[in-house]
Amino acid sequence: MGALAALTLTDVELVLRCRQGDQQAWSEIVRQFSRRIYNLAYRFTSSHSAAEDLTQEVFIRVYRSLEQYDSHLGDLANWLMRLARNLVIDDYRKRQRTPTDSSDDLADHEYRLPTGGDNPQRVLERQERKLQVLAAINKLTPDLRECVILRDIDELSYQEIVGLLKIPEGTVKSRINRGRIELAKVLRRMKVVSD
């Protein structure tokens, strides 16, 4: 099965082939979703190595859970990303209880992102702004940070966040609102945005 053939398989066929031990089908799933899962993990860990470890852990969990995939409950992407978000959020909560100091820096990995045709000055300014916003998000309390990341960066709906975090919708909305207000204050203090 080549890459082109893998693209024409339905979710059900792809999962079925994985369950039957087809390594190319599994490679196709990893290829399709590894970047999204890594990006999600990185936003919560702010660490390249932790995000890589978490991405690998997510795929191990997915592989072990393939028999639980039910196409009638949604497509493969939604099922897989829901599994990934749950695992990443669980890891995030554990780290909040036992924080560790990470010297890993986003700037070390920015080169991986394509820059297009922008001039070097604009690219540097954009990278600096991203780092400042990430630093500001990391200053929010864990409950506010979690909701802001899920809503404003991962662009989940309120209902998806309610389902993931198992908290009432009113609490989700309140945390997102408070998180945005706090984030704006932090960005003003850091002089990233003006009053």
Protein backbone atom coordinates (compact mmCIF):
# COMPACT_ATOMS: atom_id res chain seq x y z
CA MET A 1 0.00 0.00 0.00
CA GLY A 2 1.63 3.26 -1.11
CA ALA A 3 1.02 6.73 0.29
CA LEU A 4 -1.46 7.51 -2.49
CA ALA A 5 -3.49 4.38 -1.76
CA ALA A 6 -3.49 5.22 1.95
CA LEU A 7 -5.05 8.60 1.19
CA THR A 8 -8.00 6.95 -0.54
CA LEU A 9 -8.78 4.57 2.32
CA THR A 10 -11.68 5.42 4.58
CA ASP A 11 -11.06 5.80 8.31
CA VAL A 12 -12.66 2.41 8.90
CA GLU A 13 -10.44 0.70 6.30
CA LEU A 14 -7.32 2.36 7.67
CA VAL A 15 -8.09 1.32 11.25
CA LEU A 16 -9.04 -2.19 10.12
CA ARG A 17 -5.70 -2.59 8.32
CA CYS A 18 -3.86 -1.35 11.42
CA ARG A 19 -5.69 -3.90 13.57
CA GLN A 20 -4.58 -6.59 11.08
CA GLY A 21 -0.94 -5.55 11.56
CA ASP A 22 -0.46 -3.46 8.39
CA GLN A 23 2.54 -1.28 9.26
CA GLN A 24 2.02 1.02 6.26
CA ALA A 25 -1.52 1.80 7.42
CA TRP A 26 -0.18 2.61 10.90
CA SER A 27 2.56 4.78 9.35
CA GLU A 28 -0.12 6.67 7.45
CA ILE A 29 -2.04 7.42 10.67
CA VAL A 30 1.16 8.61 12.34
CA ARG A 31 2.03 10.73 9.30
CA GLN A 32 -1.41 12.34 9.20
CA PHE A 33 -1.62 13.24 12.88
CA SER A 34 1.87 13.51 14.39
CA ARG A 35 2.29 17.24 13.68
CA ARG A 36 -1.11 18.14 15.16
CA ILE A 37 -0.50 16.06 18.26
CA TYR A 38 3.02 17.42 18.70
CA ASN A 39 1.74 21.01 18.38
CA LEU A 40 -0.96 20.34 20.97
CA ALA A 41 1.55 18.77 23.37
CA TYR A 42 4.02 21.60 22.86
CA ARG A 43 1.43 24.26 23.69
CA PHE A 44 0.84 22.58 27.05
CA THR A 45 4.43 21.64 27.89
CA SER A 46 6.48 24.47 26.29
CA SER A 47 9.20 21.85 25.95
CA HIS A 48 10.40 20.19 22.75
CA SER A 49 11.50 16.97 24.43
CA ALA A 50 8.39 16.72 26.63
CA ALA A 51 6.16 17.30 23.58
CA GLU A 52 7.98 14.58 21.64
CA ASP A 53 7.65 12.15 24.55
CA LEU A 54 3.98 12.98 24.95
CA THR A 55 3.36 12.59 21.21
CA GLN A 56 4.94 9.15 21.31
CA GLU A 57 2.85 8.24 24.37
CA VAL A 58 -0.32 9.37 22.58
CA PHE A 59 0.44 7.13 19.60
CA ILE A 60 1.13 4.17 21.88
CA ARG A 61 -2.25 4.76 23.55
CA VAL A 62 -3.96 5.14 20.16
CA TYR A 63 -2.42 1.92 18.86
CA ARG A 64 -3.58 0.03 21.96
CA SER A 65 -7.06 1.54 21.65
CA LEU A 66 -7.72 0.98 17.93
CA GLU A 67 -10.33 -1.69 18.68
CA GLN A 68 -12.36 0.98 20.53
CA TYR A 69 -12.66 3.22 17.45
CA ASP A 70 -16.28 3.41 16.30
CA SER A 71 -16.83 5.26 13.03
CA HIS A 72 -20.51 5.76 13.92
CA LEU A 73 -19.47 8.09 16.76
CA GLY A 74 -17.29 10.32 14.56
CA ASP A 75 -14.37 10.36 12.20
CA LEU A 76 -10.88 9.12 12.99
CA ALA A 77 -9.43 12.63 13.34
CA ASN A 78 -11.93 13.61 16.05
CA TRP A 79 -11.52 10.33 17.94
CA LEU A 80 -7.74 10.47 17.79
CA MET A 81 -7.48 14.14 18.77
CA ARG A 82 -9.91 13.62 21.66
CA LEU A 83 -7.66 10.83 22.95
CA ALA A 84 -4.62 13.07 22.47
CA ARG A 85 -6.20 16.05 24.27
CA ASN A 86 -7.23 13.90 27.22
CA LEU A 87 -3.74 12.49 27.58
CA VAL A 88 -2.06 15.89 27.16
CA ILE A 89 -4.40 17.52 29.69
CA ASP A 90 -3.82 14.68 32.18
CA ASP A 91 -0.07 15.15 31.78
CA TYR A 92 -0.45 18.91 32.16
CA ARG A 93 -2.40 18.51 35.40
CA LYS A 94 0.20 16.09 36.80
CA ARG A 95 2.98 18.56 36.01
CA GLN A 96 1.04 21.34 37.73
CA ARG A 97 1.01 19.24 40.90
CA THR A 98 4.73 18.44 40.61
CA PRO A 99 6.34 21.23 38.55
CA THR A 100 9.80 20.75 37.07
CA ASP A 101 12.13 23.37 35.67
CA SER A 102 12.57 23.03 31.94
CA SER A 103 15.37 24.80 30.15
CA ASP A 104 13.95 23.87 26.74
CA ASP A 105 13.14 26.97 24.77
CA LEU A 106 10.69 27.52 21.92
CA ALA A 107 13.22 29.71 20.13
CA ASP A 108 15.42 26.64 19.60
CA HIS A 109 12.67 25.07 17.50
CA GLU A 110 11.18 28.01 15.63
CA TYR A 111 13.30 27.24 12.58
CA ARG A 112 11.00 24.31 11.84
CA LEU A 113 8.14 26.60 10.92
CA PRO A 114 8.03 27.80 7.29
CA THR A 115 8.38 31.55 6.96
CA GLY A 116 7.14 32.10 3.42
CA GLY A 117 8.31 35.22 1.62
CA ASP A 118 8.52 37.58 4.60
CA ASN A 119 11.58 39.71 5.11
CA PRO A 120 13.93 38.63 7.92
CA GLN A 121 13.04 41.58 10.16
CA ARG A 122 9.33 40.76 10.04
CA VAL A 123 10.03 37.06 10.72
CA LEU A 124 12.12 37.96 13.78
CA GLU A 125 9.43 40.30 15.08
CA ARG A 126 6.77 37.62 14.64
CA GLN A 127 8.91 35.01 16.42
CA GLU A 128 9.57 37.40 19.28
CA ARG A 129 5.85 38.17 19.57
CA LYS A 130 5.01 34.43 19.67
CA LEU A 131 7.54 33.89 22.44
CA GLN A 132 6.16 36.83 24.41
CA VAL A 133 2.58 35.60 24.09
CA LEU A 134 3.60 32.06 25.12
CA ALA A 135 5.49 33.48 28.10
CA ALA A 136 2.41 35.51 29.06
CA ILE A 137 0.11 32.47 28.74
CA ASN A 138 2.48 30.52 31.00
CA LYS A 139 1.99 33.20 33.69
CA LEU A 140 -1.74 32.49 33.92
CA THR A 141 -3.01 30.21 36.66
CA PRO A 142 -3.27 26.57 35.47
CA ASP A 143 -7.08 26.53 35.28
CA LEU A 144 -7.22 29.76 33.24
CA ARG A 145 -4.27 28.74 31.03
CA GLU A 146 -5.90 25.40 30.22
CA CYS A 147 -9.18 26.98 29.09
CA VAL A 148 -7.52 29.79 27.11
CA ILE A 149 -5.28 27.33 25.24
CA LEU A 150 -8.18 25.00 24.43
CA ARG A 151 -10.47 27.81 23.24
CA ASP A 152 -8.19 30.39 21.64
CA ILE A 153 -5.30 28.29 20.36
CA ASP A 154 -6.85 24.87 19.74
CA GLU A 155 -10.16 26.56 18.77
CA LEU A 156 -12.36 24.01 20.54
CA SER A 157 -16.04 24.77 21.07
CA TYR A 158 -17.33 25.40 24.58
CA GLN A 159 -19.06 21.99 24.51
CA GLU A 160 -15.82 20.23 23.54
CA ILE A 161 -14.02 21.91 26.44
CA VAL A 162 -16.84 20.96 28.83
CA GLY A 163 -16.49 17.34 27.65
CA LEU A 164 -12.70 17.34 28.05
CA LEU A 165 -12.44 19.08 31.41
CA LYS A 166 -15.66 17.72 32.94
CA ILE A 167 -16.68 21.12 34.31
CA PRO A 168 -19.89 23.14 33.72
CA GLU A 169 -20.15 25.36 30.63
CA GLY A 170 -20.55 28.45 32.82
CA THR A 171 -17.24 27.67 34.51
CA VAL A 172 -15.55 27.20 31.12
CA LYS A 173 -16.85 30.55 29.85
CA SER A 174 -15.89 32.28 33.08
CA ARG A 175 -12.34 30.88 32.99
CA ILE A 176 -11.89 31.82 29.35
CA ASN A 177 -13.10 35.36 30.03
CA ARG A 178 -10.94 35.75 33.16
CA GLY A 179 -8.00 34.18 31.33
CA ARG A 180 -8.28 36.62 28.43
CA ILE A 181 -8.49 39.58 30.84
CA GLU A 182 -5.46 38.34 32.81
CA LEU A 183 -3.56 37.64 29.59
CA ALA A 184 -4.20 41.19 28.38
CA LYS A 185 -2.94 42.56 31.72
CA VAL A 186 0.22 40.41 31.56
CA LEU A 187 0.87 41.47 27.95
CA ARG A 188 0.48 45.15 28.94
CA ARG A 189 2.89 44.69 31.86
CA MET A 190 5.35 43.03 29.49
CA LYS A 191 4.79 45.98 27.12
CA VAL A 192 3.79 43.61 24.31
CA VAL A 193 0.56 45.58 23.87
CA SER A 194 -0.10 49.18 24.78
CA ASP A 195 -2.92 50.50 26.98
